[in-house]
Amino acid sequence: MRIAMIGTGYVGLVSGACFADFGHHVTCVDKDADKIASLRRGEIPIFEPGLDMLVASNVKAGRLDFATDLAAPVAEADAVFIAVGTPSRRGDGHADLSYVYTAAREIAAALDGFTVVVTKSTVPVGTGDEVERLIHEANPSADVVVASNPEFLREGAAIRDFKFPDRIVVGTSDARARKVLGDIYRPLSLSQAPLMFTARRTAELIKYAANAFLATKITFINEIADLAEKVGADVQEVARGIGLDNRIGSKFLHAGPGFGGSCFPKDTRALVKIALDHDVQLRIVEAVLGVNDNRKRAMARKVANAAGGSLRGKTVAVLGLTFKPDTDDMREAPSIPLVTGLLDLGAKVRAHDPVGMEQARRELPDIEYYADPYTCVRGADAMVVVTEWVQYRTLDLERLKSELAHPVVVDLRNIYRPEEMAALGFIYESVGRSAEPRG
């Protein structure tokens, strides 16, 4: 099959490389000439484990290439995937669909023969209807079917998620489109991944509902963590105790500083706006958004309390800036409101992240950056773990203590054991756990 992937962001590049690895011929298209030139040189614009090798091997095999003009790739394609950004629209929280609609109009002008146009971007319910209308408006004779195929990729594990998915959701009622997309995903039949065909609007809602539910699980366990701290319980054991119930499951029950990233904040906001447009109030999702926003900011006060109540004139070392490990993505990362809160409380902030410091400098220009975690904490009055990079789990704790001016550690990801930190003489605060276990 020949595939045109419009957009070389996170979803487009990962999906395009994986489709090429299935044996299809894929052209990834992007208007950013510098990005396309970099990709042709083998330079990957995002950090995703294994993506550089996957791209290189498929380029070498002749199955993956890159272009700035979509006309030829679209004309030759059996399927055209729209994988452009849908950021939150400034001012109202709705998804900004301008990139999707621009792509639809440009695709329409290049279509040649029967083609399936697939929205891979996360889009509000009914977007496929508008994409279809725009294409037929621009090219009334186009033989085209518009389908929805939402992505369910986790940054840091995207290639595995693509090749070993829990499910593949395809929104179309057209038999020809079902065959094309079935053929595209046929290589996954060996892994017995469920291929779920449904109506287009249902597929669009599945994506939003999935992300809102996962965001709700995170927020729920964060609130339970707050209660655990007050009553002397251990939220990790609570999470395990409820997660062993297969009706609940253990994933996304890790207490921390709140969710961030490119999907959960944006998609939960958009879902609330979609509901309001249809006179429906999603009170649970609204509460999730409010609790999460407040939590991120509250983490700065948690650091201040651990450091004696005031951060005025003190130095705080922040370890981890990206919203999760194994990515360089800083979009809505909890570190941003945390650091901003620390600065507002009068602290001097220094930071380290294994891969995200270049991106972090754009968001947080007023702090100091260090290439090594030990030099980052040297002389600091407190250390805060914000992102659970594996490198931080294996730090020499005795050396950390010797480098810190005061042995204060605030662990927002619960990567250390309270009893060990206490034995080493740290003033240690984590999330939903007590340093002094109670009977």
Protein backbone atom coordinates (compact mmCIF):
# COMPACT_ATOMS: atom_id res chain seq x y z
CA MET A 1 0.00 0.00 0.00
CA ARG A 2 1.07 3.59 -0.61
CA ILE A 3 0.51 5.98 2.28
CA ALA A 4 0.88 9.75 2.56
CA MET A 5 1.32 10.98 6.13
CA ILE A 6 0.55 14.69 6.45
CA GLY A 7 2.48 16.03 9.42
CA THR A 8 5.80 14.89 10.87
CA GLY A 9 5.14 15.63 14.50
CA TYR A 10 5.07 12.97 17.16
CA VAL A 11 2.09 11.03 15.80
CA GLY A 12 2.89 11.44 12.12
CA LEU A 13 6.54 10.49 12.29
CA VAL A 14 6.07 7.48 14.58
CA SER A 15 3.05 6.23 12.60
CA GLY A 16 4.75 6.77 9.26
CA ALA A 17 7.91 4.95 10.31
CA CYS A 18 5.93 2.03 11.73
CA PHE A 19 3.72 1.72 8.64
CA ALA A 20 6.89 1.67 6.54
CA ASP A 21 8.29 -1.04 8.78
CA PHE A 22 5.14 -3.07 8.02
CA GLY A 23 6.22 -3.03 4.37
CA HIS A 24 4.11 -0.15 3.05
CA HIS A 25 5.59 2.77 1.11
CA VAL A 26 5.17 5.91 3.16
CA THR A 27 5.86 9.54 2.36
CA CYS A 28 5.81 11.87 5.35
CA VAL A 29 4.91 15.42 4.33
CA ASP A 30 5.56 18.63 6.23
CA LYS A 31 5.60 22.27 5.17
CA ASP A 32 8.59 22.94 7.41
CA ALA A 33 11.44 22.68 4.91
CA ASP A 34 14.09 22.71 7.65
CA LYS A 35 12.44 19.77 9.41
CA ILE A 36 12.22 17.77 6.18
CA ALA A 37 15.85 18.54 5.38
CA SER A 38 16.83 17.35 8.87
CA LEU A 39 14.83 14.14 8.48
CA ARG A 40 16.50 13.46 5.14
CA ARG A 41 19.84 13.79 6.93
CA GLY A 42 18.70 11.26 9.51
CA GLU A 43 18.17 13.83 12.26
CA ILE A 44 15.06 13.13 14.32
CA PRO A 45 13.32 16.27 15.70
CA ILE A 46 11.84 14.49 18.73
CA PHE A 47 13.25 12.12 21.33
CA GLU A 48 11.58 8.72 21.22
CA PRO A 49 13.56 5.57 22.04
CA GLY A 50 14.30 3.55 18.90
CA LEU A 51 12.74 6.01 16.44
CA ASP A 52 16.05 7.10 14.90
CA MET A 53 16.97 3.53 14.00
CA LEU A 54 13.48 2.73 12.74
CA VAL A 55 13.49 5.76 10.44
CA ALA A 56 17.01 5.09 9.20
CA SER A 57 16.36 1.43 8.37
CA ASN A 58 13.19 2.17 6.42
CA VAL A 59 14.72 5.09 4.54
CA LYS A 60 17.59 2.79 3.57
CA ALA A 61 15.11 0.14 2.43
CA GLY A 62 13.33 2.69 0.23
CA ARG A 63 10.01 2.40 2.05
CA LEU A 64 10.10 5.78 3.80
CA ASP A 65 10.76 9.20 2.37
CA PHE A 66 9.99 12.83 3.11
CA ALA A 67 8.54 15.74 1.15
CA THR A 68 7.39 19.34 1.56
CA ASP A 69 4.82 19.18 -1.24
CA LEU A 70 1.88 16.83 -0.73
CA ALA A 71 0.62 16.84 -4.34
CA ALA A 72 2.53 13.82 -5.69
CA PRO A 73 2.39 11.68 -2.51
CA VAL A 74 -1.37 12.23 -2.19
CA ALA A 75 -2.04 11.52 -5.87
CA GLU A 76 -0.24 8.18 -5.58
CA ALA A 77 -1.64 7.20 -2.16
CA ASP A 78 -4.20 4.55 -1.30
CA ALA A 79 -4.63 6.27 2.07
CA VAL A 80 -3.78 9.76 3.26
CA PHE A 81 -3.42 10.22 7.02
CA ILE A 82 -3.90 13.66 8.52
CA ALA A 83 -1.58 13.84 11.54
CA VAL A 84 -1.22 17.57 12.09
CA GLY A 85 -1.45 19.33 15.44
CA THR A 86 -4.73 20.16 17.16
CA PRO A 87 -3.57 22.36 20.05
CA SER A 88 -5.93 24.04 22.47
CA ARG A 89 -7.31 27.16 20.85
CA ARG A 90 -6.14 30.26 22.64
CA GLY A 91 -8.83 31.74 24.81
CA ASP A 92 -11.54 29.08 24.92
CA GLY A 93 -9.98 25.61 25.23
CA HIS A 94 -11.53 24.22 22.05
CA ALA A 95 -9.29 22.16 19.79
CA ASP A 96 -7.76 24.33 17.06
CA LEU A 97 -8.68 22.55 13.82
CA SER A 98 -7.20 25.09 11.42
CA TYR A 99 -4.29 22.80 10.49
CA VAL A 100 -6.64 19.88 9.88
CA TYR A 101 -8.92 21.90 7.64
CA THR A 102 -6.03 23.43 5.70
CA ALA A 103 -4.65 19.94 5.10
CA ALA A 104 -8.08 18.73 3.94
CA ARG A 105 -8.35 21.48 1.32
CA GLU A 106 -4.84 20.85 0.02
CA ILE A 107 -5.42 17.09 -0.09
CA ALA A 108 -8.63 17.61 -2.06
CA ALA A 109 -6.79 19.36 -4.86
CA ALA A 110 -4.29 16.49 -5.24
CA LEU A 111 -6.58 13.44 -5.09
CA ASP A 112 -6.41 11.03 -8.02
CA GLY A 113 -8.60 7.92 -7.99
CA PHE A 114 -10.21 6.28 -4.98
CA THR A 115 -8.51 7.38 -1.75
CA VAL A 116 -9.21 6.98 1.94
CA VAL A 117 -8.47 10.15 3.90
CA VAL A 118 -7.93 9.29 7.55
CA THR A 119 -7.93 11.67 10.51
CA LYS A 120 -5.14 10.41 12.77
CA SER A 121 -5.03 13.67 14.73
CA THR A 122 -7.16 13.87 17.85
CA VAL A 123 -10.22 15.80 16.69
CA PRO A 124 -13.62 16.68 18.20
CA VAL A 125 -16.67 14.64 17.33
CA GLY A 126 -17.98 15.65 13.90
CA THR A 127 -14.63 16.78 12.50
CA GLY A 128 -14.67 13.97 9.95
CA ASP A 129 -17.98 15.31 8.63
CA GLU A 130 -16.42 18.74 8.09
CA VAL A 131 -13.27 17.28 6.49
CA GLU A 132 -15.49 15.35 4.09
CA ARG A 133 -17.51 18.48 3.29
CA LEU A 134 -14.38 20.56 2.66
CA ILE A 135 -12.89 17.94 0.34
CA HIS A 136 -16.05 17.67 -1.74
CA GLU A 137 -16.42 21.44 -1.78
CA ALA A 138 -12.89 21.83 -3.15
CA ASN A 139 -13.09 18.81 -5.46
CA PRO A 140 -16.70 17.74 -6.16
CA SER A 141 -15.61 14.80 -8.33
CA ALA A 142 -13.25 13.30 -5.73
CA ASP A 143 -13.71 9.57 -5.13
CA VAL A 144 -12.89 9.71 -1.43
CA VAL A 145 -13.98 8.28 1.89
CA VAL A 146 -13.08 10.07 5.13
CA ALA A 147 -12.39 7.77 8.08
CA SER A 148 -11.23 8.20 11.68
CA ASN A 149 -8.30 6.24 13.11
CA PRO A 150 -7.33 7.72 16.48
CA GLU A 151 -3.89 7.02 17.91
CA PHE A 152 -3.26 5.58 21.37
CA LEU A 153 0.51 6.01 21.66
CA ARG A 154 2.39 6.67 24.89
CA GLU A 155 5.41 8.90 24.52
CA GLY A 156 8.48 6.89 25.44
CA ALA A 157 6.84 3.62 24.36
CA ALA A 158 5.23 4.71 21.09
CA ILE A 159 6.84 2.18 18.75
CA ARG A 160 5.87 -0.74 20.94
CA ASP A 161 2.38 0.68 21.38
CA PHE A 162 2.00 0.97 17.61
CA LYS A 163 3.24 -2.54 16.88
CA PHE A 164 1.57 -4.25 19.84
CA PRO A 165 -1.61 -2.22 20.36
CA ASP A 166 -4.40 -3.00 22.79
CA ARG A 167 -6.80 -2.19 19.95
CA ILE A 168 -7.03 -0.44 16.60
CA VAL A 169 -10.11 1.76 16.24
CA VAL A 170 -11.30 2.59 12.72
CA GLY A 171 -14.29 4.82 12.22
CA THR A 172 -15.97 4.19 8.86
CA SER A 173 -19.10 2.56 7.53
CA ASP A 174 -17.76 2.29 3.98
CA ALA A 175 -16.80 -1.20 2.78
CA ARG A 176 -14.00 0.05 0.49
CA ALA A 177 -12.42 2.06 3.29
CA ARG A 178 -12.68 -0.90 5.64
CA LYS A 179 -10.76 -3.02 3.15
CA VAL A 180 -8.02 -0.44 2.63
CA LEU A 181 -7.48 0.13 6.35
CA GLY A 182 -7.78 -3.59 7.06
CA ASP A 183 -5.00 -4.20 4.51
CA ILE A 184 -2.85 -1.47 6.02
CA TYR A 185 -3.12 -2.98 9.50
CA ARG A 186 -3.01 -6.64 8.38
CA PRO A 187 0.62 -7.08 9.57
CA LEU A 188 -0.68 -6.71 13.14
CA SER A 189 -2.93 -9.75 12.79
CA LEU A 190 -0.13 -11.99 14.07
CA SER A 191 -0.22 -10.11 17.39
CA GLN A 192 -4.00 -10.62 17.43
CA ALA A 193 -4.64 -6.92 18.01
CA PRO A 194 -8.39 -6.29 17.94
CA LEU A 195 -9.37 -4.27 14.86
CA MET A 196 -12.54 -2.45 15.88
CA PHE A 197 -14.66 -0.94 13.13
CA THR A 198 -17.27 1.57 14.21
CA ALA A 199 -19.04 4.70 13.03
CA ARG A 200 -16.78 7.70 12.42
CA ARG A 201 -18.24 9.88 15.17
CA THR A 202 -17.99 7.01 17.64
CA ALA A 203 -14.29 6.57 16.86
CA GLU A 204 -13.70 10.27 17.40
CA LEU A 205 -15.38 10.12 20.80
CA ILE A 206 -13.52 6.93 21.84
CA LYS A 207 -10.22 8.80 21.76
CA TYR A 208 -11.44 11.64 23.99
CA ALA A 209 -13.25 9.29 26.37
CA ALA A 210 -10.13 7.13 26.77
CA ASN A 211 -7.87 10.06 27.63
CA ALA A 212 -10.43 11.61 29.98
CA PHE A 213 -10.81 8.32 31.84
CA LEU A 214 -7.05 7.88 32.25
CA ALA A 215 -6.72 11.47 33.44
CA THR A 216 -9.48 10.77 35.94
CA LYS A 217 -7.61 7.71 37.30
CA ILE A 218 -4.48 9.82 37.81
CA THR A 219 -6.41 12.58 39.55
CA PHE A 220 -8.29 10.10 41.73
CA ILE A 221 -5.14 8.46 43.08
CA ASN A 222 -3.57 11.91 43.62
CA GLU A 223 -6.47 12.90 45.85
CA ILE A 224 -6.26 9.56 47.68
CA ALA A 225 -2.55 10.32 48.17
CA ASP A 226 -3.44 13.58 49.93
CA LEU A 227 -5.74 11.66 52.27
CA ALA A 228 -3.11 8.95 52.82
CA GLU A 229 -0.63 11.56 54.01
CA LYS A 230 -3.13 12.85 56.58
CA VAL A 231 -4.15 9.46 57.97
CA GLY A 232 -0.72 7.78 57.86
CA ALA A 233 -1.42 5.32 55.03
CA ASP A 234 0.77 4.39 52.05
CA VAL A 235 -0.77 5.37 48.73
CA GLN A 236 1.42 2.94 46.80
CA GLU A 237 0.00 0.04 48.77
CA VAL A 238 -3.49 1.47 48.38
CA ALA A 239 -2.97 1.66 44.63
CA ARG A 240 -1.72 -1.91 44.52
CA GLY A 241 -4.62 -3.07 46.68
CA ILE A 242 -7.23 -1.57 44.39
CA GLY A 243 -5.31 -2.20 41.18
CA LEU A 244 -5.30 -5.95 41.74
CA ASP A 245 -9.05 -5.78 41.18
CA ASN A 246 -9.27 -6.47 37.44
CA ARG A 247 -12.25 -4.14 37.19
CA ILE A 248 -9.90 -1.29 38.13
CA GLY A 249 -6.42 -2.31 36.92
CA SER A 250 -3.06 -1.06 38.12
CA LYS A 251 -2.11 1.32 35.31
CA PHE A 252 -2.30 5.09 35.84
CA LEU A 253 -2.58 4.69 39.60
CA HIS A 254 0.77 6.33 40.39
CA ALA A 255 0.46 9.37 42.63
CA GLY A 256 2.50 12.40 41.64
CA PRO A 257 2.45 16.12 40.86
CA GLY A 258 -0.40 15.94 38.34
CA PHE A 259 -0.70 14.97 34.70
CA GLY A 260 0.75 16.92 31.80
CA GLY A 261 1.93 16.26 28.27
CA SER A 262 0.55 16.78 24.80
CA CYS A 263 -2.71 14.86 25.23
CA PHE A 264 -4.40 14.70 28.62
CA PRO A 265 -4.68 18.43 29.44
CA LYS A 266 -5.60 19.42 25.88
CA ASP A 267 -8.03 16.58 25.28
CA THR A 268 -9.86 16.83 28.59
CA ARG A 269 -10.38 20.56 28.02
CA ALA A 270 -11.61 19.93 24.49
CA LEU A 271 -14.00 17.20 25.66
CA VAL A 272 -15.57 19.57 28.17
CA LYS A 273 -16.04 22.16 25.41
CA ILE A 274 -17.53 19.57 23.04
CA ALA A 275 -20.01 18.55 25.74
CA LEU A 276 -21.01 22.13 26.51
CA ASP A 277 -21.61 22.77 22.80
CA HIS A 278 -24.17 19.94 22.97
CA ASP A 279 -25.76 21.08 26.26
CA VAL A 280 -24.08 18.32 28.27
CA GLN A 281 -22.07 18.98 31.42
CA LEU A 282 -19.24 16.56 32.17
CA ARG A 283 -18.90 17.38 35.86
CA ILE A 284 -16.35 14.66 36.60
CA VAL A 285 -14.04 15.75 33.79
CA GLU A 286 -14.43 19.39 34.79
CA ALA A 287 -13.41 18.50 38.34
CA VAL A 288 -10.41 16.54 37.05
CA LEU A 289 -9.15 19.60 35.21
CA GLY A 290 -9.57 21.87 38.22
CA VAL A 291 -7.95 19.47 40.68
CA ASN A 292 -5.00 18.83 38.34
CA ASP A 293 -4.30 22.52 37.73
CA ASN A 294 -4.39 23.28 41.44
CA ARG A 295 -2.19 20.32 42.28
CA LYS A 296 0.69 21.35 40.04
CA ARG A 297 0.93 24.73 41.72
CA ALA A 298 0.50 23.25 45.20
CA MET A 299 3.69 21.21 44.78
CA ALA A 300 5.76 24.37 45.27
CA ARG A 301 4.16 24.85 48.69
CA LYS A 302 4.98 21.23 49.49
CA VAL A 303 8.65 21.97 48.80
CA ALA A 304 8.52 25.11 50.93
CA ASN A 305 7.04 23.22 53.87
CA ALA A 306 9.74 20.55 53.64
CA ALA A 307 12.43 23.25 53.59
CA GLY A 308 11.21 24.84 56.82
CA GLY A 309 8.29 26.93 55.62
CA SER A 310 10.08 29.56 53.55
CA LEU A 311 12.09 29.45 50.32
CA ARG A 312 13.10 33.11 50.32
CA GLY A 313 16.80 33.23 49.38
CA LYS A 314 17.12 29.44 49.22
CA THR A 315 18.34 27.31 46.31
CA VAL A 316 16.20 24.43 45.05
CA ALA A 317 17.56 21.76 42.68
CA VAL A 318 14.93 20.25 40.38
CA LEU A 319 15.63 16.86 38.86
CA GLY A 320 13.50 16.09 35.82
CA LEU A 321 11.70 18.61 33.64
CA THR A 322 9.87 16.71 30.91
CA PHE A 323 6.30 15.63 31.63
CA LYS A 324 7.38 11.97 31.74
CA PRO A 325 10.60 9.97 31.24
CA ASP A 326 11.88 8.80 27.84
CA THR A 327 10.69 11.92 26.04
CA ASP A 328 11.89 15.48 25.58
CA ASP A 329 8.32 16.79 25.56
CA MET A 330 7.73 19.81 27.80
CA ARG A 331 4.12 20.44 26.84
CA GLU A 332 2.15 21.21 30.02
CA ALA A 333 4.83 19.49 32.11
CA PRO A 334 4.23 19.67 35.88
CA SER A 335 7.72 21.11 36.22
CA ILE A 336 6.60 24.39 34.64
CA PRO A 337 4.06 25.51 37.28
CA LEU A 338 6.25 23.96 39.99
CA VAL A 339 9.31 25.97 39.00
CA THR A 340 7.22 29.09 38.50
CA GLY A 341 5.78 28.61 41.98
CA LEU A 342 9.24 28.12 43.49
CA LEU A 343 10.45 31.34 41.88
CA ASP A 344 7.37 33.19 43.13
CA LEU A 345 8.19 31.97 46.66
CA GLY A 346 11.62 33.57 46.39
CA ALA A 347 13.74 30.50 45.57
CA LYS A 348 16.67 30.34 43.23
CA VAL A 349 16.08 27.33 40.96
CA ARG A 350 18.56 25.13 39.16
CA ALA A 351 17.61 22.07 37.11
CA HIS A 352 18.76 18.92 35.34
CA ASP A 353 17.03 16.64 32.82
CA PRO A 354 18.65 13.87 30.77
CA VAL A 355 17.20 15.00 27.41
CA GLY A 356 14.75 17.87 27.93
CA MET A 357 16.87 20.87 28.87
CA GLU A 358 16.99 22.42 25.40
CA GLN A 359 13.20 22.42 25.23
CA ALA A 360 12.92 23.48 28.88
CA ARG A 361 14.97 26.62 28.30
CA ARG A 362 12.20 27.95 26.07
CA GLU A 363 9.61 27.46 28.81
CA LEU A 364 11.78 28.26 31.83
CA PRO A 365 14.45 30.77 30.81
CA ASP A 366 15.02 32.20 34.29
CA ILE A 367 16.67 29.22 35.96
CA GLU A 368 20.12 27.61 35.80
CA TYR A 369 20.72 24.33 33.98
CA TYR A 370 23.30 21.70 34.84
CA ALA A 371 24.59 18.81 32.77
CA ASP A 372 24.95 16.50 35.76
CA PRO A 373 22.54 15.82 38.65
CA TYR A 374 25.26 15.89 41.30
CA THR A 375 26.53 19.32 40.29
CA CYS A 376 22.92 20.45 40.07
CA VAL A 377 22.26 19.63 43.73
CA ARG A 378 25.65 20.84 45.01
CA GLY A 379 25.07 23.46 47.68
CA ALA A 380 21.28 23.42 47.25
CA ASP A 381 18.94 23.77 50.22
CA ALA A 382 16.50 21.20 48.80
CA MET A 383 16.23 18.70 45.97
CA VAL A 384 12.97 17.92 44.16
CA VAL A 385 12.37 14.89 41.94
CA VAL A 386 9.76 15.84 39.33
CA THR A 387 10.26 13.29 36.53
CA GLU A 388 10.98 9.64 37.31
CA TRP A 389 13.90 9.12 34.94
CA VAL A 390 15.62 5.81 35.64
CA GLN A 391 18.91 7.69 36.09
CA TYR A 392 17.54 9.30 39.24
CA ARG A 393 16.52 5.98 40.76
CA THR A 394 20.15 4.85 40.80
CA LEU A 395 21.80 7.99 42.17
CA ASP A 396 24.28 7.54 45.01
CA LEU A 397 22.16 8.74 47.92
CA GLU A 398 25.09 9.20 50.29
CA ARG A 399 26.81 11.38 47.71
CA LEU A 400 23.60 13.35 47.21
CA LYS A 401 23.47 14.05 50.91
CA SER A 402 27.07 15.20 50.97
CA GLU A 403 26.48 17.53 48.00
CA LEU A 404 23.34 19.16 49.41
CA ALA A 405 23.71 22.08 51.79
CA HIS A 406 20.69 20.73 53.66
CA PRO A 407 19.55 17.11 53.29
CA VAL A 408 16.01 17.97 52.15
CA VAL A 409 14.53 15.78 49.41
CA VAL A 410 11.00 16.16 48.06
CA ASP A 411 10.23 13.12 45.94
CA LEU A 412 7.14 13.86 43.83
CA ARG A 413 7.37 10.48 42.08
CA ASN A 414 7.98 8.18 45.06
CA ILE A 415 11.13 6.67 43.54
CA TYR A 416 12.93 6.31 46.89
CA ARG A 417 12.01 4.31 50.00
CA PRO A 418 11.06 6.44 53.02
CA GLU A 419 12.75 4.12 55.50
CA GLU A 420 16.05 4.21 53.58
CA MET A 421 15.97 7.99 53.27
CA ALA A 422 15.25 8.34 56.97
CA ALA A 423 18.11 5.98 57.85
CA LEU A 424 20.48 8.10 55.77
CA GLY A 425 19.44 11.22 57.63
CA PHE A 426 17.41 12.95 54.92
CA ILE A 427 14.46 15.20 55.61
CA TYR A 428 12.30 13.34 53.13
CA GLU A 429 8.85 14.11 51.75
CA SER A 430 7.09 12.01 49.16
CA VAL A 431 3.53 11.81 47.83
CA GLY A 432 0.94 9.91 49.82
CA ARG A 433 3.43 8.20 52.12
CA SER A 434 4.74 8.79 55.60
CA ALA A 435 8.43 8.60 56.51
CA GLU A 436 7.31 7.12 59.81
CA PRO A 437 5.06 4.12 59.08
CA ARG A 438 2.13 3.89 61.47
CA GLY A 439 0.45 0.75 62.72
